[in-house]
Amino acid sequence: VLQKYNKIREELRREVYEILGDDGILLFPTHPDSCVKL
């Protein structure tokens, strides 16, 4: 199971790195909610 998820992570990492290139950025929300209860 660990190997399966590590493989998925590595594939995603390669894809994201390829999309970003050497000078790209990605903007992503920090959290889906603006106020989270304790």
PDB file of all heavy atoms in Angstrom:
ATOM      1  N   VAL A   1       0.850  -1.199   0.000  1.00  0.00           N
ATOM      2  CA  VAL A   1       0.000   0.000   0.000  1.00  0.00           C
ATOM      3  C   VAL A   1       0.881   1.242   0.000  1.00  0.00           C
ATOM      4  O   VAL A   1       0.644   2.197  -0.745  1.00  0.00           O
ATOM      5  CB  VAL A   1      -0.963  -0.007   1.208  1.00  0.00           C
ATOM      6  CG1 VAL A   1      -1.713   1.310   1.314  1.00  0.00           C
ATOM      7  CG2 VAL A   1      -1.921  -1.175   1.117  1.00  0.00           C
ATOM      8  N   LEU A   2       1.900   1.240   0.831  1.00  0.00           N
ATOM      9  CA  LEU A   2       2.831   2.356   0.893  1.00  0.00           C
ATOM     10  C   LEU A   2       3.515   2.577  -0.455  1.00  0.00           C
ATOM     11  O   LEU A   2       3.622   3.706  -0.929  1.00  0.00           O
ATOM     12  CB  LEU A   2       3.863   2.100   1.989  1.00  0.00           C
ATOM     13  CG  LEU A   2       4.796   3.238   2.344  1.00  0.00           C
ATOM     14  CD1 LEU A   2       4.020   4.461   2.788  1.00  0.00           C
ATOM     15  CD2 LEU A   2       5.756   2.802   3.432  1.00  0.00           C
ATOM     16  N   GLN A   3       3.948   1.516  -1.099  1.00  0.00           N
ATOM     17  CA  GLN A   3       4.583   1.626  -2.410  1.00  0.00           C
ATOM     18  C   GLN A   3       3.619   2.191  -3.449  1.00  0.00           C
ATOM     19  O   GLN A   3       4.004   3.014  -4.286  1.00  0.00           O
ATOM     20  CB  GLN A   3       5.120   0.277  -2.861  1.00  0.00           C
ATOM     21  CG  GLN A   3       6.344  -0.167  -2.107  1.00  0.00           C
ATOM     22  CD  GLN A   3       6.812  -1.561  -2.518  1.00  0.00           C
ATOM     23  OE1 GLN A   3       6.224  -2.194  -3.377  1.00  0.00           O
ATOM     24  NE2 GLN A   3       7.879  -2.016  -1.889  1.00  0.00           N
ATOM     25  N   LYS A   4       2.374   1.770  -3.386  1.00  0.00           N
ATOM     26  CA  LYS A   4       1.361   2.270  -4.330  1.00  0.00           C
ATOM     27  C   LYS A   4       1.210   3.786  -4.199  1.00  0.00           C
ATOM     28  O   LYS A   4       1.241   4.510  -5.190  1.00  0.00           O
ATOM     29  CB  LYS A   4       0.023   1.575  -4.061  1.00  0.00           C
ATOM     30  CG  LYS A   4      -1.135   2.144  -4.842  1.00  0.00           C
ATOM     31  CD  LYS A   4      -2.445   1.523  -4.392  1.00  0.00           C
ATOM     32  CE  LYS A   4      -3.609   2.271  -4.965  1.00  0.00           C
ATOM     33  NZ  LYS A   4      -4.885   1.803  -4.421  1.00  0.00           N
ATOM     34  N   TYR A   5       1.080   4.272  -2.964  1.00  0.00           N
ATOM     35  CA  TYR A   5       0.883   5.704  -2.759  1.00  0.00           C
ATOM     36  C   TYR A   5       2.152   6.509  -3.035  1.00  0.00           C
ATOM     37  O   TYR A   5       2.085   7.636  -3.509  1.00  0.00           O
ATOM     38  CB  TYR A   5       0.322   5.994  -1.372  1.00  0.00           C
ATOM     39  CG  TYR A   5      -1.134   5.607  -1.278  1.00  0.00           C
ATOM     40  CD1 TYR A   5      -1.556   4.584  -0.444  1.00  0.00           C
ATOM     41  CD2 TYR A   5      -2.093   6.251  -2.060  1.00  0.00           C
ATOM     42  CE1 TYR A   5      -2.897   4.218  -0.380  1.00  0.00           C
ATOM     43  CE2 TYR A   5      -3.422   5.890  -2.008  1.00  0.00           C
ATOM     44  CZ  TYR A   5      -3.821   4.880  -1.166  1.00  0.00           C
ATOM     45  OH  TYR A   5      -5.135   4.524  -1.115  1.00  0.00           O
ATOM     46  N   ASN A   6       3.306   5.935  -2.760  1.00  0.00           N
ATOM     47  CA  ASN A   6       4.554   6.611  -3.114  1.00  0.00           C
ATOM     48  C   ASN A   6       4.688   6.756  -4.622  1.00  0.00           C
ATOM     49  O   ASN A   6       5.150   7.785  -5.115  1.00  0.00           O
ATOM     50  CB  ASN A   6       5.762   5.866  -2.537  1.00  0.00           C
ATOM     51  CG  ASN A   6       5.967   6.152  -1.073  1.00  0.00           C
ATOM     52  OD1 ASN A   6       5.539   7.187  -0.569  1.00  0.00           O
ATOM     53  ND2 ASN A   6       6.602   5.233  -0.374  1.00  0.00           N
ATOM     54  N   LYS A   7       4.254   5.749  -5.360  1.00  0.00           N
ATOM     55  CA  LYS A   7       4.294   5.812  -6.827  1.00  0.00           C
ATOM     56  C   LYS A   7       3.348   6.908  -7.337  1.00  0.00           C
ATOM     57  O   LYS A   7       3.711   7.701  -8.204  1.00  0.00           O
ATOM     58  CB  LYS A   7       3.916   4.458  -7.430  1.00  0.00           C
ATOM     59  CG  LYS A   7       3.986   4.433  -8.929  1.00  0.00           C
ATOM     60  CD  LYS A   7       3.615   3.080  -9.491  1.00  0.00           C
ATOM     61  CE  LYS A   7       3.662   3.154 -11.005  1.00  0.00           C
ATOM     62  NZ  LYS A   7       2.982   2.046 -11.629  1.00  0.00           N
ATOM     63  N   ILE A   8       2.164   6.976  -6.776  1.00  0.00           N
ATOM     64  CA  ILE A   8       1.205   8.021  -7.166  1.00  0.00           C
ATOM     65  C   ILE A   8       1.776   9.400  -6.864  1.00  0.00           C
ATOM     66  O   ILE A   8       1.694  10.318  -7.677  1.00  0.00           O
ATOM     67  CB  ILE A   8      -0.153   7.808  -6.445  1.00  0.00           C
ATOM     68  CG1 ILE A   8      -0.829   6.552  -6.971  1.00  0.00           C
ATOM     69  CG2 ILE A   8      -1.048   9.032  -6.609  1.00  0.00           C
ATOM     70  CD1 ILE A   8      -2.040   6.123  -6.158  1.00  0.00           C
ATOM     71  N   ARG A   9       2.388   9.552  -5.675  1.00  0.00           N
ATOM     72  CA  ARG A   9       2.981  10.834  -5.305  1.00  0.00           C
ATOM     73  C   ARG A   9       4.090  11.224  -6.273  1.00  0.00           C
ATOM     74  O   ARG A   9       4.171  12.381  -6.707  1.00  0.00           O
ATOM     75  CB  ARG A   9       3.532  10.788  -3.881  1.00  0.00           C
ATOM     76  CG  ARG A   9       4.116  12.143  -3.447  1.00  0.00           C
ATOM     77  CD  ARG A   9       4.865  12.074  -2.160  1.00  0.00           C
ATOM     78  NE  ARG A   9       6.038  11.235  -2.341  1.00  0.00           N
ATOM     79  CZ  ARG A   9       6.609  10.536  -1.378  1.00  0.00           C
ATOM     80  NH1 ARG A   9       6.114  10.565  -0.165  1.00  0.00           N
ATOM     81  NH2 ARG A   9       7.663   9.804  -1.613  1.00  0.00           N
ATOM     82  N   GLU A  10       4.939  10.281  -6.637  1.00  0.00           N
ATOM     83  CA  GLU A  10       6.037  10.580  -7.557  1.00  0.00           C
ATOM     84  C   GLU A  10       5.520  10.980  -8.933  1.00  0.00           C
ATOM     85  O   GLU A  10       6.055  11.886  -9.571  1.00  0.00           O
ATOM     86  CB  GLU A  10       7.006   9.402  -7.656  1.00  0.00           C
ATOM     87  CG  GLU A  10       7.835   9.197  -6.406  1.00  0.00           C
ATOM     88  CD  GLU A  10       8.581  10.447  -5.988  1.00  0.00           C
ATOM     89  OE1 GLU A  10       9.198  11.110  -6.846  1.00  0.00           O
ATOM     90  OE2 GLU A  10       8.544  10.786  -4.789  1.00  0.00           O
ATOM     91  N   GLU A  11       4.477  10.309  -9.413  1.00  0.00           N
ATOM     92  CA  GLU A  11       3.875  10.662 -10.705  1.00  0.00           C
ATOM     93  C   GLU A  11       3.291  12.068 -10.655  1.00  0.00           C
ATOM     94  O   GLU A  11       3.475  12.861 -11.585  1.00  0.00           O
ATOM     95  CB  GLU A  11       2.798   9.644 -11.086  1.00  0.00           C
ATOM     96  CG  GLU A  11       3.348   8.281 -11.456  1.00  0.00           C
ATOM     97  CD  GLU A  11       2.257   7.232 -11.623  1.00  0.00           C
ATOM     98  OE1 GLU A  11       1.053   7.566 -11.518  1.00  0.00           O
ATOM     99  OE2 GLU A  11       2.617   6.057 -11.848  1.00  0.00           O
ATOM    100  N   LEU A  12       2.589  12.383  -9.582  1.00  0.00           N
ATOM    101  CA  LEU A  12       2.012  13.717  -9.433  1.00  0.00           C
ATOM    102  C   LEU A  12       3.104  14.769  -9.326  1.00  0.00           C
ATOM    103  O   LEU A  12       3.018  15.841  -9.921  1.00  0.00           O
ATOM    104  CB  LEU A  12       1.087  13.771  -8.222  1.00  0.00           C
ATOM    105  CG  LEU A  12       0.395  15.109  -7.956  1.00  0.00           C
ATOM    106  CD1 LEU A  12      -0.450  15.538  -9.160  1.00  0.00           C
ATOM    107  CD2 LEU A  12      -0.469  15.010  -6.703  1.00  0.00           C
ATOM    108  N   ARG A  13       4.156  14.456  -8.573  1.00  0.00           N
ATOM    109  CA  ARG A  13       5.270  15.393  -8.429  1.00  0.00           C
ATOM    110  C   ARG A  13       5.893  15.700  -9.791  1.00  0.00           C
ATOM    111  O   ARG A  13       6.124  16.856 -10.132  1.00  0.00           O
ATOM    112  CB  ARG A  13       6.328  14.836  -7.486  1.00  0.00           C
ATOM    113  CG  ARG A  13       7.463  15.826  -7.250  1.00  0.00           C
ATOM    114  CD  ARG A  13       8.581  15.272  -6.410  1.00  0.00           C
ATOM    115  NE  ARG A  13       8.090  14.839  -5.122  1.00  0.00           N
ATOM    116  CZ  ARG A  13       8.749  14.026  -4.307  1.00  0.00           C
ATOM    117  NH1 ARG A  13       9.923  13.552  -4.646  1.00  0.00           N
ATOM    118  NH2 ARG A  13       8.249  13.687  -3.155  1.00  0.00           N
ATOM    119  N   ARG A  14       6.146  14.683 -10.595  1.00  0.00           N
ATOM    120  CA  ARG A  14       6.725  14.901 -11.930  1.00  0.00           C
ATOM    121  C   ARG A  14       5.802  15.766 -12.793  1.00  0.00           C
ATOM    122  O   ARG A  14       6.254  16.675 -13.480  1.00  0.00           O
ATOM    123  CB  ARG A  14       6.987  13.561 -12.628  1.00  0.00           C
ATOM    124  CG  ARG A  14       8.289  12.906 -12.217  1.00  0.00           C
ATOM    125  CD  ARG A  14       8.650  11.756 -13.138  1.00  0.00           C
ATOM    126  NE  ARG A  14       7.698  10.652 -13.091  1.00  0.00           N
ATOM    127  CZ  ARG A  14       7.719   9.676 -12.191  1.00  0.00           C
ATOM    128  NH1 ARG A  14       8.635   9.655 -11.253  1.00  0.00           N
ATOM    129  NH2 ARG A  14       6.826   8.714 -12.225  1.00  0.00           N
ATOM    130  N   GLU A  15       4.502  15.487 -12.723  1.00  0.00           N
ATOM    131  CA  GLU A  15       3.543  16.254 -13.513  1.00  0.00           C
ATOM    132  C   GLU A  15       3.507  17.718 -13.078  1.00  0.00           C
ATOM    133  O   GLU A  15       3.528  18.634 -13.909  1.00  0.00           O
ATOM    134  CB  GLU A  15       2.152  15.627 -13.391  1.00  0.00           C
ATOM    135  CG  GLU A  15       1.122  16.250 -14.292  1.00  0.00           C
ATOM    136  CD  GLU A  15      -0.219  15.535 -14.214  1.00  0.00           C
ATOM    137  OE1 GLU A  15      -0.253  14.328 -13.908  1.00  0.00           O
ATOM    138  OE2 GLU A  15      -1.232  16.204 -14.459  1.00  0.00           O
ATOM    139  N   VAL A  16       3.470  17.957 -11.775  1.00  0.00           N
ATOM    140  CA  VAL A  16       3.429  19.326 -11.264  1.00  0.00           C
ATOM    141  C   VAL A  16       4.714  20.054 -11.616  1.00  0.00           C
ATOM    142  O   VAL A  16       4.690  21.211 -12.054  1.00  0.00           O
ATOM    143  CB  VAL A  16       3.160  19.339  -9.737  1.00  0.00           C
ATOM    144  CG1 VAL A  16       3.409  20.715  -9.141  1.00  0.00           C
ATOM    145  CG2 VAL A  16       1.735  18.887  -9.460  1.00  0.00           C
ATOM    146  N   TYR A  17       5.868  19.413 -11.443  1.00  0.00           N
ATOM    147  CA  TYR A  17       7.147  20.038 -11.774  1.00  0.00           C
ATOM    148  C   TYR A  17       7.208  20.386 -13.260  1.00  0.00           C
ATOM    149  O   TYR A  17       7.723  21.437 -13.639  1.00  0.00           O
ATOM    150  CB  TYR A  17       8.322  19.115 -11.432  1.00  0.00           C
ATOM    151  CG  TYR A  17       8.619  18.971  -9.957  1.00  0.00           C
ATOM    152  CD1 TYR A  17       7.751  19.437  -8.965  1.00  0.00           C
ATOM    153  CD2 TYR A  17       9.777  18.335  -9.540  1.00  0.00           C
ATOM    154  CE1 TYR A  17       8.042  19.284  -7.628  1.00  0.00           C
ATOM    155  CE2 TYR A  17      10.071  18.178  -8.194  1.00  0.00           C
ATOM    156  CZ  TYR A  17       9.195  18.645  -7.241  1.00  0.00           C
ATOM    157  OH  TYR A  17       9.480  18.496  -5.910  1.00  0.00           O
ATOM    158  N   GLU A  18       6.674  19.505 -14.094  1.00  0.00           N
ATOM    159  CA  GLU A  18       6.671  19.771 -15.541  1.00  0.00           C
ATOM    160  C   GLU A  18       5.786  20.970 -15.865  1.00  0.00           C
ATOM    161  O   GLU A  18       6.156  21.839 -16.659  1.00  0.00           O
ATOM    162  CB  GLU A  18       6.176  18.537 -16.299  1.00  0.00           C
ATOM    163  CG  GLU A  18       6.225  18.679 -17.802  1.00  0.00           C
ATOM    164  CD  GLU A  18       5.753  17.414 -18.504  1.00  0.00           C
ATOM    165  OE1 GLU A  18       6.128  16.310 -18.068  1.00  0.00           O
ATOM    166  OE2 GLU A  18       4.999  17.543 -19.483  1.00  0.00           O
ATOM    167  N   ILE A  19       4.634  21.047 -15.246  1.00  0.00           N
ATOM    168  CA  ILE A  19       3.718  22.166 -15.474  1.00  0.00           C
ATOM    169  C   ILE A  19       4.343  23.479 -15.006  1.00  0.00           C
ATOM    170  O   ILE A  19       4.277  24.489 -15.693  1.00  0.00           O
ATOM    171  CB  ILE A  19       2.369  21.911 -14.762  1.00  0.00           C
ATOM    172  CG1 ILE A  19       1.607  20.789 -15.468  1.00  0.00           C
ATOM    173  CG2 ILE A  19       1.525  23.188 -14.715  1.00  0.00           C
ATOM    174  CD1 ILE A  19       0.403  20.278 -14.696  1.00  0.00           C
ATOM    175  N   LEU A  20       4.981  23.462 -13.832  1.00  0.00           N
ATOM    176  CA  LEU A  20       5.568  24.681 -13.278  1.00  0.00           C
ATOM    177  C   LEU A  20       6.808  25.132 -14.049  1.00  0.00           C
ATOM    178  O   LEU A  20       7.078  26.332 -14.136  1.00  0.00           O
ATOM    179  CB  LEU A  20       5.927  24.479 -11.801  1.00  0.00           C
ATOM    180  CG  LEU A  20       4.752  24.382 -10.840  1.00  0.00           C
ATOM    181  CD1 LEU A  20       5.230  23.983  -9.457  1.00  0.00           C
ATOM    182  CD2 LEU A  20       3.981  25.683 -10.789  1.00  0.00           C
ATOM    183  N   GLY A  21       7.547  24.197 -14.594  1.00  0.00           N
ATOM    184  CA  GLY A  21       8.773  24.573 -15.290  1.00  0.00           C
ATOM    185  C   GLY A  21       9.738  25.258 -14.336  1.00  0.00           C
ATOM    186  O   GLY A  21       9.634  25.140 -13.117  1.00  0.00           O
ATOM    187  N   ASP A  22      10.679  26.004 -14.907  1.00  0.00           N
ATOM    188  CA  ASP A  22      11.702  26.651 -14.083  1.00  0.00           C
ATOM    189  C   ASP A  22      11.255  27.978 -13.492  1.00  0.00           C
ATOM    190  O   ASP A  22      11.873  28.471 -12.548  1.00  0.00           O
ATOM    191  CB  ASP A  22      12.977  26.869 -14.903  1.00  0.00           C
ATOM    192  CG  ASP A  22      13.653  25.555 -15.230  1.00  0.00           C
ATOM    193  OD1 ASP A  22      13.503  24.597 -14.439  1.00  0.00           O
ATOM    194  OD2 ASP A  22      14.318  25.482 -16.275  1.00  0.00           O
ATOM    195  N   ASP A  23      10.187  28.572 -14.052  1.00  0.00           N
ATOM    196  CA  ASP A  23       9.796  29.891 -13.557  1.00  0.00           C
ATOM    197  C   ASP A  23       8.295  30.048 -13.363  1.00  0.00           C
ATOM    198  O   ASP A  23       7.795  31.148 -13.263  1.00  0.00           O
ATOM    199  CB  ASP A  23      10.324  30.981 -14.494  1.00  0.00           C
ATOM    200  CG  ASP A  23       9.780  30.831 -15.912  1.00  0.00           C
ATOM    201  OD1 ASP A  23       9.022  29.872 -16.189  1.00  0.00           O
ATOM    202  OD2 ASP A  23      10.110  31.679 -16.746  1.00  0.00           O
ATOM    203  N   GLY A  24       7.581  28.942 -13.270  1.00  0.00           N
ATOM    204  CA  GLY A  24       6.134  29.016 -13.094  1.00  0.00           C
ATOM    205  C   GLY A  24       5.729  29.034 -11.635  1.00  0.00           C
ATOM    206  O   GLY A  24       6.478  28.611 -10.750  1.00  0.00           O
ATOM    207  N   ILE A  25       4.545  29.553 -11.380  1.00  0.00           N
ATOM    208  CA  ILE A  25       3.966  29.531 -10.037  1.00  0.00           C
ATOM    209  C   ILE A  25       2.523  29.052 -10.133  1.00  0.00           C
ATOM    210  O   ILE A  25       1.892  29.131 -11.186  1.00  0.00           O
ATOM    211  CB  ILE A  25       4.003  30.910  -9.336  1.00  0.00           C
ATOM    212  CG1 ILE A  25       3.197  31.934 -10.126  1.00  0.00           C
ATOM    213  CG2 ILE A  25       5.416  31.376  -9.094  1.00  0.00           C
ATOM    214  CD1 ILE A  25       2.693  33.061  -9.280  1.00  0.00           C
ATOM    215  N   LEU A  26       2.031  28.558  -9.042  1.00  0.00           N
ATOM    216  CA  LEU A  26       0.654  28.120  -8.921  1.00  0.00           C
ATOM    217  C   LEU A  26       0.061  28.842  -7.721  1.00  0.00           C
ATOM    218  O   LEU A  26       0.683  28.896  -6.655  1.00  0.00           O
ATOM    219  CB  LEU A  26       0.604  26.605  -8.704  1.00  0.00           C
ATOM    220  CG  LEU A  26      -0.743  25.971  -8.365  1.00  0.00           C
ATOM    221  CD1 LEU A  26      -1.710  26.115  -9.536  1.00  0.00           C
ATOM    222  CD2 LEU A  26      -0.547  24.496  -8.024  1.00  0.00           C
ATOM    223  N   LEU A  27      -1.110  29.401  -7.890  1.00  0.00           N
ATOM    224  CA  LEU A  27      -1.835  30.034  -6.777  1.00  0.00           C
ATOM    225  C   LEU A  27      -2.924  29.067  -6.338  1.00  0.00           C
ATOM    226  O   LEU A  27      -3.673  28.548  -7.158  1.00  0.00           O
ATOM    227  CB  LEU A  27      -2.455  31.357  -7.216  1.00  0.00           C
ATOM    228  CG  LEU A  27      -1.493  32.414  -7.737  1.00  0.00           C
ATOM    229  CD1 LEU A  27      -2.246  33.645  -8.195  1.00  0.00           C
ATOM    230  CD2 LEU A  27      -0.468  32.777  -6.675  1.00  0.00           C
ATOM    231  N   PHE A  28      -2.983  28.838  -5.034  1.00  0.00           N
ATOM    232  CA  PHE A  28      -3.945  27.875  -4.518  1.00  0.00           C
ATOM    233  C   PHE A  28      -4.456  28.366  -3.170  1.00  0.00           C
ATOM    234  O   PHE A  28      -3.676  28.901  -2.371  1.00  0.00           O
ATOM    235  CB  PHE A  28      -3.265  26.504  -4.348  1.00  0.00           C
ATOM    236  CG  PHE A  28      -4.220  25.350  -4.370  1.00  0.00           C
ATOM    237  CD1 PHE A  28      -4.715  24.869  -5.571  1.00  0.00           C
ATOM    238  CD2 PHE A  28      -4.620  24.753  -3.187  1.00  0.00           C
ATOM    239  CE1 PHE A  28      -5.592  23.798  -5.591  1.00  0.00           C
ATOM    240  CE2 PHE A  28      -5.505  23.687  -3.202  1.00  0.00           C
ATOM    241  CZ  PHE A  28      -5.983  23.203  -4.405  1.00  0.00           C
ATOM    242  N   PRO A  29      -5.740  28.199  -2.884  1.00  0.00           N
ATOM    243  CA  PRO A  29      -6.251  28.635  -1.579  1.00  0.00           C
ATOM    244  C   PRO A  29      -5.509  27.948  -0.439  1.00  0.00           C
ATOM    245  O   PRO A  29      -5.043  26.818  -0.577  1.00  0.00           O
ATOM    246  CB  PRO A  29      -7.719  28.195  -1.593  1.00  0.00           C
ATOM    247  CG  PRO A  29      -8.048  27.947  -3.015  1.00  0.00           C
ATOM    248  CD  PRO A  29      -6.771  27.573  -3.707  1.00  0.00           C
ATOM    249  N   THR A  30      -5.415  28.622   0.672  1.00  0.00           N
ATOM    250  CA  THR A  30      -4.795  28.031   1.852  1.00  0.00           C
ATOM    251  C   THR A  30      -5.750  27.064   2.525  1.00  0.00           C
ATOM    252  O   THR A  30      -5.350  26.018   3.020  1.00  0.00           O
ATOM    253  CB  THR A  30      -4.413  29.136   2.846  1.00  0.00           C
ATOM    254  OG1 THR A  30      -3.588  30.077   2.173  1.00  0.00           O
ATOM    255  CG2 THR A  30      -3.678  28.581   4.032  1.00  0.00           C
ATOM    256  N   HIS A  31      -7.011  27.407   2.523  1.00  0.00           N
ATOM    257  CA  HIS A  31      -8.028  26.612   3.215  1.00  0.00           C
ATOM    258  C   HIS A  31      -9.364  26.897   2.542  1.00  0.00           C
ATOM    259  O   HIS A  31      -9.591  27.997   2.057  1.00  0.00           O
ATOM    260  CB  HIS A  31      -8.064  27.026   4.695  1.00  0.00           C
ATOM    261  CG  HIS A  31      -8.644  26.004   5.590  1.00  0.00           C
ATOM    262  ND1 HIS A  31      -9.987  25.924   5.848  1.00  0.00           N
ATOM    263  CD2 HIS A  31      -8.071  24.992   6.295  1.00  0.00           C
ATOM    264  CE1 HIS A  31     -10.217  24.925   6.686  1.00  0.00           C
ATOM    265  NE2 HIS A  31      -9.073  24.343   6.969  1.00  0.00           N
ATOM    266  N   PRO A  32     -10.276  25.934   2.498  1.00  0.00           N
ATOM    267  CA  PRO A  32     -11.560  26.174   1.835  1.00  0.00           C
ATOM    268  C   PRO A  32     -12.508  27.082   2.608  1.00  0.00           C
ATOM    269  O   PRO A  32     -13.448  27.623   2.050  1.00  0.00           O
ATOM    270  CB  PRO A  32     -12.156  24.776   1.686  1.00  0.00           C
ATOM    271  CG  PRO A  32     -11.543  23.995   2.792  1.00  0.00           C
ATOM    272  CD  PRO A  32     -10.156  24.555   2.964  1.00  0.00           C
ATOM    273  N   ASP A  33     -12.254  27.252   3.896  1.00  0.00           N
ATOM    274  CA  ASP A  33     -13.116  28.088   4.733  1.00  0.00           C
ATOM    275  C   ASP A  33     -12.316  29.265   5.270  1.00  0.00           C
ATOM    276  O   ASP A  33     -11.136  29.140   5.573  1.00  0.00           O
ATOM    277  CB  ASP A  33     -13.650  27.286   5.927  1.00  0.00           C
ATOM    278  CG  ASP A  33     -14.444  26.067   5.494  1.00  0.00           C
ATOM    279  OD1 ASP A  33     -15.258  26.195   4.564  1.00  0.00           O
ATOM    280  OD2 ASP A  33     -14.248  24.995   6.090  1.00  0.00           O
ATOM    281  N   SER A  34     -12.978  30.396   5.421  1.00  0.00           N
ATOM    282  CA  SER A  34     -12.281  31.550   5.972  1.00  0.00           C
ATOM    283  C   SER A  34     -12.286  31.539   7.490  1.00  0.00           C
ATOM    284  O   SER A  34     -11.490  32.205   8.120  1.00  0.00           O
ATOM    285  CB  SER A  34     -12.889  32.852   5.446  1.00  0.00           C
ATOM    286  OG  SER A  34     -14.259  32.889   5.749  1.00  0.00           O
ATOM    287  N   CYS A  35     -13.185  30.802   8.089  1.00  0.00           N
ATOM    288  CA  CYS A  35     -13.229  30.744   9.547  1.00  0.00           C
ATOM    289  C   CYS A  35     -13.487  29.302   9.966  1.00  0.00           C
ATOM    290  O   CYS A  35     -14.525  28.729   9.638  1.00  0.00           O
ATOM    291  CB  CYS A  35     -14.334  31.635  10.090  1.00  0.00           C
ATOM    292  SG  CYS A  35     -14.411  31.636  11.885  1.00  0.00           S
ATOM    293  N   VAL A  36     -12.547  28.743  10.670  1.00  0.00           N
ATOM    294  CA  VAL A  36     -12.672  27.367  11.128  1.00  0.00           C
ATOM    295  C   VAL A  36     -12.804  27.367  12.635  1.00  0.00           C
ATOM    296  O   VAL A  36     -11.985  27.960  13.336  1.00  0.00           O
ATOM    297  CB  VAL A  36     -11.433  26.543  10.710  1.00  0.00           C
ATOM    298  CG1 VAL A  36     -11.574  25.113  11.167  1.00  0.00           C
ATOM    299  CG2 VAL A  36     -11.236  26.614   9.218  1.00  0.00           C
ATOM    300  N   LYS A  37     -13.856  26.732  13.106  1.00  0.00           N
ATOM    301  CA  LYS A  37     -14.056  26.663  14.554  1.00  0.00           C
ATOM    302  C   LYS A  37     -12.981  25.776  15.179  1.00  0.00           C
ATOM    303  O   LYS A  37     -12.454  24.864  14.547  1.00  0.00           O
ATOM    304  CB  LYS A  37     -15.437  26.104  14.859  1.00  0.00           C
ATOM    305  CG  LYS A  37     -16.523  27.061  14.460  1.00  0.00           C
ATOM    306  CD  LYS A  37     -17.864  26.580  14.917  1.00  0.00           C
ATOM    307  CE  LYS A  37     -18.821  27.699  14.799  1.00  0.00           C
ATOM    308  NZ  LYS A  37     -19.914  27.670  14.047  1.00  0.00           N
ATOM    309  N   LEU A  38     -12.661  26.048  16.414  1.00  0.00           N
ATOM    310  CA  LEU A  38     -11.664  25.298  17.148  1.00  0.00           C
ATOM    311  C   LEU A  38     -11.964  23.802  17.069  1.00  0.00           C
ATOM    312  O   LEU A  38     -13.097  23.389  17.280  1.00  0.00           O
ATOM    313  CB  LEU A  38     -11.639  25.752  18.611  1.00  0.00           C
ATOM    314  CG  LEU A  38     -10.606  25.102  19.503  1.00  0.00           C
ATOM    315  CD1 LEU A  38      -9.192  25.445  19.013  1.00  0.00           C
ATOM    316  CD2 LEU A  38     -10.784  25.547  20.932  1.00  0.00           C
TER     317      LEU A  38
END
